Amino acid sequence: MTVPSFDRIGPIPPDSPVIVSVPHAGRDYPLPLRAAAAVPVASMLALEDRHADAVALAARIDETLFVQRRARAWIDLNRAEDERDPLIDEGARPIPAGAAATKLRSGLGLVPRRAAPGVAIWKRKLADDEVNARIAQDHRPYHAALVEALEAARDRFGTALLLDVHSMPPLPGGGTARVVIGDRFGRSAGGRLVHRIEAEIAAAGQRAALNTPYPGGHILSRHGRPDQQIHAIQIEIDRRLYLDANLTALGKGFGHTAAMLRRIIDAATDELLTGGLARAAE
């Protein structure tokens, strides 16, 4: 039996209607990645949602939590299987025109081409079978596990929410938001849930923005099905809130940030169960 490249903390069926996902905090850089890379692992750390998994673990009580162990530089779970970059992937199709391919053109596709502006990751093109193996071994199992958990939660509670936890670099400009809530511009979650979460962030003393500049990616578009009582919301947390001054290790704000995430989970749970979103469980 193949060991999955993610950790699941909590049972199936879940004990809570809120399922938590942390897809970008992985710190496992496999040997094939390091062998094919043009830069050291230290140059790829900018892609990580640094220690966002620690925030989620500290906030969790009885929610089922998924944490990807593989580094985002290996494969990005928040990109669709067909978001493959022809500049570094021999199995990719040409990049389509239109705004939907913006991330792919910038080098942040299914397998990232760059770690930061001007920092190319790969010293050679990746063969089609290499990328297909990553999809089969890492990408599909994670999404299949989310589907199983969300459907089981919905069947038990009548409704479910995927809370997809990320971190972000500080946004430019003074007085800007420290948390960004993404719901694919209303397509992946009910508005009452989003407004309740926004209110909890404000009550925790932080300013939130909605969908700008992070509306959510493939995880929300794939799993958010409000018409089927499965909602999906992305939470982007400013790294300054919980990391040290170098944005590398946990800092003095870690406890407050974990408490804020706990407030978000509690508010979402209350809204799901008592706010009229749940249907009768079958």
C-alpha atoms as a PDB file:
ATOM      1  CA  MET A   1       0.000   0.000   0.000  1.00  0.00           C
ATOM      2  CA  THR A   2       1.334   3.420  -1.003  1.00  0.00           C
ATOM      3  CA  VAL A   3       1.818   5.827   1.894  1.00  0.00           C
ATOM      4  CA  PRO A   4       0.074   9.141   1.086  1.00  0.00           C
ATOM      5  CA  SER A   5       2.140  12.308   0.896  1.00  0.00           C
ATOM      6  CA  PHE A   6      -0.200  14.123   3.279  1.00  0.00           C
ATOM      7  CA  ASP A   7      -1.210  13.777   6.910  1.00  0.00           C
ATOM      8  CA  ARG A   8      -4.814  13.455   7.996  1.00  0.00           C
ATOM      9  CA  ILE A   9      -5.501  14.392  11.597  1.00  0.00           C
ATOM     10  CA  GLY A  10      -9.004  13.447  12.672  1.00  0.00           C
ATOM     11  CA  PRO A  11     -11.540  10.793  11.689  1.00  0.00           C
ATOM     12  CA  ILE A  12     -13.658   9.903   8.686  1.00  0.00           C
ATOM     13  CA  PRO A  13     -16.548  10.509   9.013  1.00  0.00           C
ATOM     14  CA  PRO A  14     -15.533  13.818  10.580  1.00  0.00           C
ATOM     15  CA  ASP A  15     -16.619  15.003  14.013  1.00  0.00           C
ATOM     16  CA  SER A  16     -17.163  18.541  12.689  1.00  0.00           C
ATOM     17  CA  PRO A  17     -18.772  19.995   9.562  1.00  0.00           C
ATOM     18  CA  VAL A  18     -15.603  22.074   9.053  1.00  0.00           C
ATOM     19  CA  ILE A  19     -12.753  20.351   7.205  1.00  0.00           C
ATOM     20  CA  VAL A  20      -9.401  22.175   7.298  1.00  0.00           C
ATOM     21  CA  SER A  21      -6.835  21.929   4.508  1.00  0.00           C
ATOM     22  CA  VAL A  22      -3.229  23.210   4.466  1.00  0.00           C
ATOM     23  CA  PRO A  23      -1.889  22.436   0.969  1.00  0.00           C
ATOM     24  CA  HIS A  24       1.183  24.684   0.706  1.00  0.00           C
ATOM     25  CA  ALA A  25       3.103  24.280   3.975  1.00  0.00           C
ATOM     26  CA  GLY A  26       4.957  21.102   2.959  1.00  0.00           C
ATOM     27  CA  ARG A  27       8.654  20.932   3.760  1.00  0.00           C
ATOM     28  CA  ASP A  28       9.480  17.591   2.100  1.00  0.00           C
ATOM     29  CA  TYR A  29      11.788  18.221  -0.868  1.00  0.00           C
ATOM     30  CA  PRO A  30      12.205  14.791  -2.523  1.00  0.00           C
ATOM     31  CA  LEU A  31      15.587  13.717  -3.860  1.00  0.00           C
ATOM     32  CA  PRO A  32      14.385  13.808  -7.529  1.00  0.00           C
ATOM     33  CA  LEU A  33      13.384  17.449  -7.019  1.00  0.00           C
ATOM     34  CA  ARG A  34      16.751  18.374  -5.571  1.00  0.00           C
ATOM     35  CA  ALA A  35      18.567  16.474  -8.338  1.00  0.00           C
ATOM     36  CA  ALA A  36      16.673  18.298 -11.115  1.00  0.00           C
ATOM     37  CA  ALA A  37      16.752  21.738  -9.481  1.00  0.00           C
ATOM     38  CA  ALA A  38      18.993  24.559 -10.612  1.00  0.00           C
ATOM     39  CA  VAL A  39      18.861  26.210  -7.170  1.00  0.00           C
ATOM     40  CA  PRO A  40      19.239  24.968  -3.582  1.00  0.00           C
ATOM     41  CA  VAL A  41      16.230  24.169  -1.428  1.00  0.00           C
ATOM     42  CA  ALA A  42      16.725  27.457   0.420  1.00  0.00           C
ATOM     43  CA  SER A  43      15.812  29.296  -2.786  1.00  0.00           C
ATOM     44  CA  MET A  44      12.489  27.446  -2.997  1.00  0.00           C
ATOM     45  CA  LEU A  45      11.262  28.343   0.490  1.00  0.00           C
ATOM     46  CA  ALA A  46       9.491  31.444  -0.818  1.00  0.00           C
ATOM     47  CA  LEU A  47       6.854  29.133  -2.293  1.00  0.00           C
ATOM     48  CA  GLU A  48       6.000  27.688   1.127  1.00  0.00           C
ATOM     49  CA  ASP A  49       3.145  28.895   3.279  1.00  0.00           C
ATOM     50  CA  ARG A  50       5.719  28.879   6.008  1.00  0.00           C
ATOM     51  CA  HIS A  51       4.451  27.079   9.135  1.00  0.00           C
ATOM     52  CA  ALA A  52       0.792  27.603   8.245  1.00  0.00           C
ATOM     53  CA  ASP A  53       0.349  23.976   9.319  1.00  0.00           C
ATOM     54  CA  ALA A  54       1.490  24.889  12.841  1.00  0.00           C
ATOM     55  CA  VAL A  55      -1.212  27.572  13.016  1.00  0.00           C
ATOM     56  CA  ALA A  56      -3.871  25.104  11.866  1.00  0.00           C
ATOM     57  CA  LEU A  57      -2.712  22.399  14.263  1.00  0.00           C
ATOM     58  CA  ALA A  58      -2.763  24.831  17.189  1.00  0.00           C
ATOM     59  CA  ALA A  59      -6.259  26.025  16.252  1.00  0.00           C
ATOM     60  CA  ARG A  60      -7.726  22.560  15.691  1.00  0.00           C
ATOM     61  CA  ILE A  61      -9.908  20.850  18.298  1.00  0.00           C
ATOM     62  CA  ASP A  62     -12.005  18.122  16.688  1.00  0.00           C
ATOM     63  CA  GLU A  63     -11.929  19.130  13.022  1.00  0.00           C
ATOM     64  CA  THR A  64     -10.497  16.747  10.449  1.00  0.00           C
ATOM     65  CA  LEU A  65      -7.341  18.404   9.139  1.00  0.00           C
ATOM     66  CA  PHE A  66      -5.304  17.648   6.009  1.00  0.00           C
ATOM     67  CA  VAL A  67      -1.690  18.806   5.717  1.00  0.00           C
ATOM     68  CA  GLN A  68       0.359  18.185   2.589  1.00  0.00           C
ATOM     69  CA  ARG A  69       3.947  17.134   3.367  1.00  0.00           C
ATOM     70  CA  ARG A  70       5.418  17.519  -0.129  1.00  0.00           C
ATOM     71  CA  ALA A  71       6.800  20.952  -0.924  1.00  0.00           C
ATOM     72  CA  ARG A  72       4.823  23.158  -3.272  1.00  0.00           C
ATOM     73  CA  ALA A  73       7.900  23.272  -5.541  1.00  0.00           C
ATOM     74  CA  TRP A  74       7.273  19.563  -6.254  1.00  0.00           C
ATOM     75  CA  ILE A  75       3.583  19.968  -7.167  1.00  0.00           C
ATOM     76  CA  ASP A  76       0.957  22.593  -6.394  1.00  0.00           C
ATOM     77  CA  LEU A  77      -2.301  21.123  -5.126  1.00  0.00           C
ATOM     78  CA  ASN A  78      -4.067  24.428  -5.759  1.00  0.00           C
ATOM     79  CA  ARG A  79      -3.645  24.094  -9.529  1.00  0.00           C
ATOM     80  CA  ALA A  80      -5.683  21.876 -11.855  1.00  0.00           C
ATOM     81  CA  GLU A  81      -4.089  18.844 -13.491  1.00  0.00           C
ATOM     82  CA  ASP A  82      -4.056  20.573 -16.872  1.00  0.00           C
ATOM     83  CA  GLU A  83      -2.290  23.729 -15.624  1.00  0.00           C
ATOM     84  CA  ARG A  84       1.024  22.434 -16.922  1.00  0.00           C
ATOM     85  CA  ASP A  85       3.770  24.801 -18.051  1.00  0.00           C
ATOM     86  CA  PRO A  86       5.200  24.066 -21.524  1.00  0.00           C
ATOM     87  CA  LEU A  87       8.398  25.929 -20.673  1.00  0.00           C
ATOM     88  CA  ILE A  88       9.424  23.204 -18.198  1.00  0.00           C
ATOM     89  CA  ASP A  89       7.011  20.309 -18.848  1.00  0.00           C
ATOM     90  CA  GLU A  90       7.297  18.135 -21.954  1.00  0.00           C
ATOM     91  CA  GLY A  91       3.713  16.887 -21.511  1.00  0.00           C
ATOM     92  CA  ALA A  92       2.117  20.340 -21.367  1.00  0.00           C
ATOM     93  CA  ARG A  93      -0.117  21.901 -23.969  1.00  0.00           C
ATOM     94  CA  PRO A  94       0.430  25.502 -25.130  1.00  0.00           C
ATOM     95  CA  ILE A  95      -0.694  28.075 -22.594  1.00  0.00           C
ATOM     96  CA  PRO A  96      -4.209  29.276 -23.510  1.00  0.00           C
ATOM     97  CA  ALA A  97      -5.042  32.926 -23.949  1.00  0.00           C
ATOM     98  CA  GLY A  98      -7.102  34.768 -21.380  1.00  0.00           C
ATOM     99  CA  ALA A  99      -6.935  35.780 -17.748  1.00  0.00           C
ATOM    100  CA  ALA A 100      -7.460  32.217 -16.512  1.00  0.00           C
ATOM    101  CA  ALA A 101      -3.869  31.357 -17.452  1.00  0.00           C
ATOM    102  CA  THR A 102      -2.253  34.303 -15.668  1.00  0.00           C
ATOM    103  CA  LYS A 103      -0.680  32.209 -12.910  1.00  0.00           C
ATOM    104  CA  LEU A 104       0.578  29.666 -15.427  1.00  0.00           C
ATOM    105  CA  ARG A 105       2.207  32.333 -17.589  1.00  0.00           C
ATOM    106  CA  SER A 106       3.868  33.808 -14.501  1.00  0.00           C
ATOM    107  CA  GLY A 107       5.503  30.460 -13.694  1.00  0.00           C
ATOM    108  CA  LEU A 108       3.118  29.284 -10.981  1.00  0.00           C
ATOM    109  CA  GLY A 109       1.479  26.308 -12.636  1.00  0.00           C
ATOM    110  CA  LEU A 110       0.881  22.748 -11.481  1.00  0.00           C
ATOM    111  CA  VAL A 111       4.643  22.322 -11.197  1.00  0.00           C
ATOM    112  CA  PRO A 112       6.040  25.789 -10.459  1.00  0.00           C
ATOM    113  CA  ARG A 113       8.668  27.059 -12.865  1.00  0.00           C
ATOM    114  CA  ARG A 114       9.960  29.713 -10.495  1.00  0.00           C
ATOM    115  CA  ALA A 115      10.349  30.118  -6.753  1.00  0.00           C
ATOM    116  CA  ALA A 116      10.354  33.924  -6.847  1.00  0.00           C
ATOM    117  CA  PRO A 117      10.659  36.520  -9.615  1.00  0.00           C
ATOM    118  CA  GLY A 118      13.917  35.773 -11.430  1.00  0.00           C
ATOM    119  CA  VAL A 119      14.550  32.504  -9.543  1.00  0.00           C
ATOM    120  CA  ALA A 120      14.070  29.596 -11.965  1.00  0.00           C
ATOM    121  CA  ILE A 121      13.740  26.221 -10.219  1.00  0.00           C
ATOM    122  CA  TRP A 122      14.547  23.637 -12.883  1.00  0.00           C
ATOM    123  CA  LYS A 123      17.771  23.013 -14.806  1.00  0.00           C
ATOM    124  CA  ARG A 124      16.030  20.794 -17.344  1.00  0.00           C
ATOM    125  CA  LYS A 125      12.586  20.064 -18.728  1.00  0.00           C
ATOM    126  CA  LEU A 126      10.503  17.504 -16.880  1.00  0.00           C
ATOM    127  CA  ALA A 127       9.375  14.435 -18.812  1.00  0.00           C
ATOM    128  CA  ASP A 128       5.664  13.826 -19.252  1.00  0.00           C
ATOM    129  CA  ASP A 129       5.800  10.642 -17.154  1.00  0.00           C
ATOM    130  CA  GLU A 130       7.547  12.488 -14.297  1.00  0.00           C
ATOM    131  CA  VAL A 131       4.722  14.990 -13.985  1.00  0.00           C
ATOM    132  CA  ASN A 132       2.068  12.306 -14.467  1.00  0.00           C
ATOM    133  CA  ALA A 133       3.607  10.357 -11.588  1.00  0.00           C
ATOM    134  CA  ARG A 134       3.373  13.400  -9.307  1.00  0.00           C
ATOM    135  CA  ILE A 135      -0.259  13.863 -10.299  1.00  0.00           C
ATOM    136  CA  ALA A 136      -1.067  10.220  -9.575  1.00  0.00           C
ATOM    137  CA  GLN A 137       0.891   9.936  -6.331  1.00  0.00           C
ATOM    138  CA  ASP A 138       0.385  13.361  -4.751  1.00  0.00           C
ATOM    139  CA  HIS A 139      -2.274  15.510  -6.428  1.00  0.00           C
ATOM    140  CA  ARG A 140      -5.153  13.092  -6.963  1.00  0.00           C
ATOM    141  CA  PRO A 141      -4.952  11.353  -3.566  1.00  0.00           C
ATOM    142  CA  TYR A 142      -5.136  14.686  -1.707  1.00  0.00           C
ATOM    143  CA  HIS A 143      -8.191  15.833  -3.626  1.00  0.00           C
ATOM    144  CA  ALA A 144      -9.826  12.419  -3.340  1.00  0.00           C
ATOM    145  CA  ALA A 145      -9.329  12.562   0.429  1.00  0.00           C
ATOM    146  CA  LEU A 146     -10.940  16.014   0.574  1.00  0.00           C
ATOM    147  CA  VAL A 147     -13.923  14.766  -1.427  1.00  0.00           C
ATOM    148  CA  GLU A 148     -14.353  11.809   0.924  1.00  0.00           C
ATOM    149  CA  ALA A 149     -14.164  13.976   4.047  1.00  0.00           C
ATOM    150  CA  LEU A 150     -16.460  16.713   2.737  1.00  0.00           C
ATOM    151  CA  GLU A 151     -19.111  14.313   1.533  1.00  0.00           C
ATOM    152  CA  ALA A 152     -18.975  12.377   4.793  1.00  0.00           C
ATOM    153  CA  ALA A 153     -19.316  15.612   6.782  1.00  0.00           C
ATOM    154  CA  ARG A 154     -22.196  16.773   4.605  1.00  0.00           C
ATOM    155  CA  ASP A 155     -23.942  13.426   4.989  1.00  0.00           C
ATOM    156  CA  ARG A 156     -23.537  13.573   8.773  1.00  0.00           C
ATOM    157  CA  PHE A 157     -24.325  17.242   9.440  1.00  0.00           C
ATOM    158  CA  GLY A 158     -26.368  18.231   6.402  1.00  0.00           C
ATOM    159  CA  THR A 159     -23.706  20.710   5.283  1.00  0.00           C
ATOM    160  CA  ALA A 160     -19.915  21.054   5.225  1.00  0.00           C
ATOM    161  CA  LEU A 161     -17.203  23.667   4.774  1.00  0.00           C
ATOM    162  CA  LEU A 162     -13.672  23.276   3.447  1.00  0.00           C
ATOM    163  CA  LEU A 163     -11.504  25.924   5.108  1.00  0.00           C
ATOM    164  CA  ASP A 164      -8.353  26.145   2.975  1.00  0.00           C
ATOM    165  CA  VAL A 165      -5.588  27.790   5.023  1.00  0.00           C
ATOM    166  CA  HIS A 166      -2.711  29.669   3.375  1.00  0.00           C
ATOM    167  CA  SER A 167      -0.272  32.407   4.261  1.00  0.00           C
ATOM    168  CA  MET A 168       0.723  35.419   2.217  1.00  0.00           C
ATOM    169  CA  PRO A 169       3.586  37.915   2.098  1.00  0.00           C
ATOM    170  CA  PRO A 170       2.695  41.359   3.410  1.00  0.00           C
ATOM    171  CA  LEU A 171       0.440  43.208   0.993  1.00  0.00           C
ATOM    172  CA  PRO A 172       1.854  46.485  -0.375  1.00  0.00           C
ATOM    173  CA  GLY A 173       0.698  49.769   1.092  1.00  0.00           C
ATOM    174  CA  GLY A 174       0.098  50.904   4.637  1.00  0.00           C
ATOM    175  CA  GLY A 175      -3.076  49.996   6.469  1.00  0.00           C
ATOM    176  CA  THR A 176      -3.883  47.105   4.140  1.00  0.00           C
ATOM    177  CA  ALA A 177      -5.641  43.896   5.090  1.00  0.00           C
ATOM    178  CA  ARG A 178      -3.815  41.267   7.112  1.00  0.00           C
ATOM    179  CA  VAL A 179      -6.213  38.475   6.137  1.00  0.00           C
ATOM    180  CA  VAL A 180      -7.776  37.796   2.741  1.00  0.00           C
ATOM    181  CA  ILE A 181     -10.953  35.728   2.465  1.00  0.00           C
ATOM    182  CA  GLY A 182     -11.457  34.001  -0.881  1.00  0.00           C
ATOM    183  CA  ASP A 183     -14.738  32.545  -2.116  1.00  0.00           C
ATOM    184  CA  ARG A 184     -14.240  32.715  -5.893  1.00  0.00           C
ATOM    185  CA  PHE A 185     -16.346  35.899  -5.944  1.00  0.00           C
ATOM    186  CA  GLY A 186     -19.293  34.197  -4.333  1.00  0.00           C
ATOM    187  CA  ARG A 187     -19.151  30.978  -6.328  1.00  0.00           C
ATOM    188  CA  SER A 188     -17.632  28.597  -3.764  1.00  0.00           C
ATOM    189  CA  ALA A 189     -19.486  29.449  -0.544  1.00  0.00           C
ATOM    190  CA  GLY A 190     -22.642  30.992   0.861  1.00  0.00           C
ATOM    191  CA  GLY A 191     -22.468  34.705   1.554  1.00  0.00           C
ATOM    192  CA  ARG A 192     -23.612  34.336   5.169  1.00  0.00           C
ATOM    193  CA  LEU A 193     -20.611  32.142   5.941  1.00  0.00           C
ATOM    194  CA  VAL A 194     -18.217  34.633   4.390  1.00  0.00           C
ATOM    195  CA  HIS A 195     -19.713  37.595   6.255  1.00  0.00           C
ATOM    196  CA  ARG A 196     -19.610  35.700   9.544  1.00  0.00           C
ATOM    197  CA  ILE A 197     -15.928  34.895   9.062  1.00  0.00           C
ATOM    198  CA  GLU A 198     -15.177  38.495   8.108  1.00  0.00           C
ATOM    199  CA  ALA A 199     -16.852  39.687  11.317  1.00  0.00           C
ATOM    200  CA  GLU A 200     -14.787  37.289  13.438  1.00  0.00           C
ATOM    201  CA  ILE A 201     -11.556  38.522  11.886  1.00  0.00           C
ATOM    202  CA  ALA A 202     -12.566  42.100  12.707  1.00  0.00           C
ATOM    203  CA  ALA A 203     -13.444  41.047  16.260  1.00  0.00           C
ATOM    204  CA  ALA A 204      -9.947  39.588  16.547  1.00  0.00           C
ATOM    205  CA  GLY A 205      -8.544  43.042  15.731  1.00  0.00           C
ATOM    206  CA  GLN A 206      -7.514  42.411  12.146  1.00  0.00           C
ATOM    207  CA  ARG A 207      -8.657  43.882   8.862  1.00  0.00           C
ATOM    208  CA  ALA A 208      -9.886  41.485   6.173  1.00  0.00           C
ATOM    209  CA  ALA A 209     -10.238  41.848   2.422  1.00  0.00           C
ATOM    210  CA  LEU A 210     -12.525  39.785   0.225  1.00  0.00           C
ATOM    211  CA  ASN A 211     -11.120  38.080  -2.902  1.00  0.00           C
ATOM    212  CA  THR A 212      -8.478  40.766  -3.521  1.00  0.00           C
ATOM    213  CA  PRO A 213      -5.829  39.827  -4.408  1.00  0.00           C
ATOM    214  CA  TYR A 214      -6.498  36.144  -3.620  1.00  0.00           C
ATOM    215  CA  PRO A 215      -9.948  34.837  -4.644  1.00  0.00           C
ATOM    216  CA  GLY A 216      -8.945  31.197  -4.286  1.00  0.00           C
ATOM    217  CA  GLY A 217      -7.703  28.683  -6.825  1.00  0.00           C
ATOM    218  CA  HIS A 218      -8.324  25.136  -7.962  1.00  0.00           C
ATOM    219  CA  ILE A 219      -9.124  23.793  -4.494  1.00  0.00           C
ATOM    220  CA  LEU A 220     -12.093  26.139  -4.112  1.00  0.00           C
ATOM    221  CA  SER A 221     -13.284  25.776  -7.698  1.00  0.00           C
ATOM    222  CA  ARG A 222     -13.132  21.984  -7.459  1.00  0.00           C
ATOM    223  CA  HIS A 223     -14.604  21.438  -4.012  1.00  0.00           C
ATOM    224  CA  GLY A 224     -16.922  24.388  -3.428  1.00  0.00           C
ATOM    225  CA  ARG A 225     -20.454  23.245  -4.305  1.00  0.00           C
ATOM    226  CA  PRO A 226     -22.857  25.427  -2.311  1.00  0.00           C
ATOM    227  CA  ASP A 227     -25.806  24.066  -4.261  1.00  0.00           C
ATOM    228  CA  GLN A 228     -24.913  20.650  -2.819  1.00  0.00           C
ATOM    229  CA  GLN A 229     -24.324  22.015   0.711  1.00  0.00           C
ATOM    230  CA  ILE A 230     -20.524  21.832   0.415  1.00  0.00           C
ATOM    231  CA  HIS A 231     -18.877  25.228   0.800  1.00  0.00           C
ATOM    232  CA  ALA A 232     -15.211  26.160   0.342  1.00  0.00           C
ATOM    233  CA  ILE A 233     -13.417  29.273   1.613  1.00  0.00           C
ATOM    234  CA  GLN A 234      -9.749  30.220   1.399  1.00  0.00           C
ATOM    235  CA  ILE A 235      -8.062  32.084   4.244  1.00  0.00           C
ATOM    236  CA  GLU A 236      -4.792  33.905   3.501  1.00  0.00           C
ATOM    237  CA  ILE A 237      -2.979  35.090   6.639  1.00  0.00           C
ATOM    238  CA  ASP A 238      -0.226  37.715   6.581  1.00  0.00           C
ATOM    239  CA  ARG A 239       2.958  35.939   7.654  1.00  0.00           C
ATOM    240  CA  ARG A 240       3.916  38.859   9.879  1.00  0.00           C
ATOM    241  CA  LEU A 241       1.051  37.912  12.179  1.00  0.00           C
ATOM    242  CA  TYR A 242       2.632  34.639  13.295  1.00  0.00           C
ATOM    243  CA  LEU A 243       6.265  34.488  12.095  1.00  0.00           C
ATOM    244  CA  ASP A 244       9.367  36.249  13.358  1.00  0.00           C
ATOM    245  CA  ALA A 245      10.903  39.348  11.793  1.00  0.00           C
ATOM    246  CA  ASN A 246      12.737  37.222   9.204  1.00  0.00           C
ATOM    247  CA  LEU A 247       9.492  35.427   8.262  1.00  0.00           C
ATOM    248  CA  THR A 248      11.164  32.054   8.783  1.00  0.00           C
ATOM    249  CA  ALA A 249      10.315  30.836  12.307  1.00  0.00           C
ATOM    250  CA  LEU A 250       7.275  31.116  14.543  1.00  0.00           C
ATOM    251  CA  GLY A 251       7.075  34.482  16.274  1.00  0.00           C
ATOM    252  CA  LYS A 252       5.363  36.064  19.251  1.00  0.00           C
ATOM    253  CA  GLY A 253       2.091  36.526  17.350  1.00  0.00           C
ATOM    254  CA  PHE A 254       1.662  32.806  16.763  1.00  0.00           C
ATOM    255  CA  GLY A 255      -0.731  32.242  19.673  1.00  0.00           C
ATOM    256  CA  HIS A 256      -2.967  35.171  18.757  1.00  0.00           C
ATOM    257  CA  THR A 257      -3.113  34.030  15.134  1.00  0.00           C
ATOM    258  CA  ALA A 258      -4.029  30.474  16.107  1.00  0.00           C
ATOM    259  CA  ALA A 259      -6.730  31.900  18.386  1.00  0.00           C
ATOM    260  CA  MET A 260      -8.087  33.973  15.486  1.00  0.00           C
ATOM    261  CA  LEU A 261      -8.257  30.885  13.287  1.00  0.00           C
ATOM    262  CA  ARG A 262     -10.054  29.069  16.103  1.00  0.00           C
ATOM    263  CA  ARG A 263     -12.608  31.888  16.231  1.00  0.00           C
ATOM    264  CA  ILE A 264     -13.109  31.552  12.477  1.00  0.00           C
ATOM    265  CA  ILE A 265     -13.676  27.801  12.780  1.00  0.00           C
ATOM    266  CA  ASP A 266     -16.092  28.213  15.689  1.00  0.00           C
ATOM    267  CA  ALA A 267     -18.080  30.908  13.892  1.00  0.00           C
ATOM    268  CA  ALA A 268     -18.246  28.876  10.696  1.00  0.00           C
ATOM    269  CA  THR A 269     -19.378  25.806  12.626  1.00  0.00           C
ATOM    270  CA  ASP A 270     -22.119  27.776  14.343  1.00  0.00           C
ATOM    271  CA  GLU A 271     -23.294  29.280  11.062  1.00  0.00           C
ATOM    272  CA  LEU A 272     -23.329  25.871   9.368  1.00  0.00           C
ATOM    273  CA  LEU A 273     -25.306  24.179  12.131  1.00  0.00           C
ATOM    274  CA  THR A 274     -27.627  26.928  13.353  1.00  0.00           C
ATOM    275  CA  GLY A 275     -27.689  29.544  10.617  1.00  0.00           C
ATOM    276  CA  GLY A 276     -30.064  27.732   8.296  1.00  0.00           C
ATOM    277  CA  LEU A 277     -27.409  26.390   5.919  1.00  0.00           C
ATOM    278  CA  ALA A 278     -27.808  22.751   6.872  1.00  0.00           C
ATOM    279  CA  ARG A 279     -30.350  20.511   5.260  1.00  0.00           C
ATOM    280  CA  ALA A 280     -31.745  17.471   6.980  1.00  0.00           C
ATOM    281  CA  ALA A 281     -29.093  14.758   7.062  1.00  0.00           C
ATOM    282  CA  GLU A 282     -30.164  11.592   5.330  1.00  0.00           C
END
